Protein backbone atom coordinates (compact mmCIF):
# COMPACT_ATOMS: atom_id res chain seq x y z
CA MET A 1 85.31 71.66 94.86
CA ASP A 2 84.65 72.53 91.28
CA GLY A 3 84.68 76.00 89.81
CA THR A 4 87.18 78.90 89.56
CA ILE A 5 88.30 81.85 91.33
CA GLU A 6 89.71 85.12 90.11
CA VAL A 7 92.68 86.45 91.98
CA SER A 8 93.81 89.90 92.08
CA TYR A 9 97.35 90.94 93.04
CA THR A 10 99.98 93.67 93.00
CA VAL A 11 103.76 93.57 92.51
CA MET A 12 105.70 94.52 95.61
CA CYS A 13 108.93 96.55 95.10
CA LYS A 14 111.93 97.83 97.36
CA ASN A 15 111.15 101.32 96.59
CA ASP A 16 107.41 101.36 97.44
CA VAL A 17 106.28 104.13 99.87
CA ARG A 18 103.43 104.16 102.38
CA ILE A 19 103.46 107.09 104.70
CA GLU A 20 100.53 108.24 106.88
CA ILE A 21 100.34 111.73 108.15
CA THR A 22 97.48 113.60 109.82
CA LEU A 23 95.61 116.58 108.19
CA SER A 24 96.85 118.84 110.95
CA GLU A 25 100.59 117.99 110.19
CA LEU A 26 99.95 118.69 106.62
CA LEU A 27 98.30 121.97 107.22
CA ALA A 28 101.29 122.82 109.72
CA ASN A 29 103.89 122.81 106.79
CA GLU A 30 104.31 126.33 105.54
CA LYS A 31 104.91 125.37 102.07
CA VAL A 32 101.70 123.29 101.79
CA LEU A 33 99.63 126.03 103.36
CA ARG A 34 101.07 128.82 101.16
CA THR A 35 100.18 126.48 98.14
CA ILE A 36 96.50 125.98 99.30
CA LYS A 37 96.15 129.73 99.95
CA GLY A 38 97.52 130.66 96.63
CA GLU A 39 95.31 127.96 94.72
CA PHE A 40 91.97 128.64 96.64
CA ALA A 41 92.35 132.25 98.09
CA LYS A 42 94.32 134.08 95.55
CA GLY A 43 94.66 137.76 96.18
CA LEU A 44 92.92 137.63 99.70
CA ARG A 45 94.64 138.67 102.81
CA ASN A 46 94.48 137.53 106.35
CA ILE A 47 93.27 133.93 105.38
CA GLU A 48 93.40 131.21 108.21
CA VAL A 49 93.16 127.35 107.22
CA SER A 50 91.78 125.00 109.91
CA THR A 51 90.24 121.64 110.16
CA LYS A 52 87.78 120.20 112.60
CA GLU A 53 89.04 116.56 112.63
CA ASP A 54 92.35 115.13 112.63
CA VAL A 55 91.87 112.98 109.31
CA PRO A 56 94.76 110.69 108.27
CA VAL A 57 96.18 111.35 104.91
CA THR A 58 98.10 108.44 103.16
CA LEU A 59 100.83 108.77 100.60
CA LYS A 60 101.45 105.66 98.78
CA THR A 61 102.90 104.15 95.68
CA ALA A 62 100.26 103.78 92.96
CA LYS A 63 99.95 100.11 92.07
CA THR A 64 98.50 98.29 89.02
CA ILE A 65 96.21 95.42 90.03
CA HIS A 66 96.88 92.39 87.87
CA THR A 67 94.26 89.33 87.83
CA PHE A 68 94.22 85.68 86.84
CA THR A 69 91.97 82.75 87.32
CA ALA A 70 92.55 79.61 89.15
CA SER A 71 90.77 76.33 90.03
CA LYS A 72 89.17 76.28 93.47
CA ASN A 73 91.15 73.33 94.31
CA ASP A 74 94.36 75.35 93.99
CA PHE A 75 93.12 77.79 96.82
CA ALA A 76 96.22 76.85 99.10
CA ASP A 77 98.69 77.63 96.33
CA LEU A 78 97.34 81.05 95.26
CA LEU A 79 100.31 82.99 96.49
CA GLU A 80 102.63 80.76 94.47
CA LEU A 81 100.41 80.94 91.46
CA ALA A 82 100.33 84.68 91.57
CA GLU A 83 104.12 84.73 91.71
CA GLU A 84 104.30 82.26 88.91
CA ASP A 85 101.77 84.50 86.77
CA ALA A 86 103.96 87.55 87.54
CA ARG A 87 107.11 85.85 86.35
CA THR A 88 105.39 84.64 83.14
CA HIS A 89 104.23 88.10 82.23
CA LYS A 90 107.59 89.61 83.29
CA ARG A 91 106.14 91.82 85.94
CA LEU A 92 108.94 91.10 88.56
CA LYS A 93 111.64 93.60 87.54
CA LYS A 94 115.08 94.21 89.15
CA GLU A 95 113.80 95.93 92.34
CA CYS A 96 110.44 93.88 92.55
CA GLU A 97 110.60 90.56 94.25
CA GLY A 98 107.24 89.48 95.46
CA VAL A 99 103.40 89.86 95.06
CA GLU A 100 100.69 90.91 97.46
CA LEU A 101 97.12 89.34 97.17
CA VAL A 102 94.66 92.01 96.97
CA ASP A 103 91.32 90.17 96.23
CA ILE A 104 89.98 86.59 95.85
CA ARG A 105 86.62 86.28 94.16
CA THR A 106 84.51 83.22 93.33
CA VAL A 107 83.39 83.17 89.60
CA ASP A 108 81.44 80.00 89.54
């Protein structure tokens, strides 16, 4: 196969966070509720905050997405190439050991 592909990846670290809570759990927290009321209903009394749906809210570590290009022939080795690119650009720090592929796009 001739052509190139663009690979996007992020660096995975030990202290990365991904927590999913529901909106009702968030609104059940007294400190969160007090903050919402203070910000959006300042000076008003007897305010009730409710939600119609139990929507999930995700708290996760913000990640920088890095990209590089590779030959279509190297498709089977993309993970290794992404790790090599991260090492080359010194993106793998003390607490960061691996990479996660985010997107693979055909360029031509």
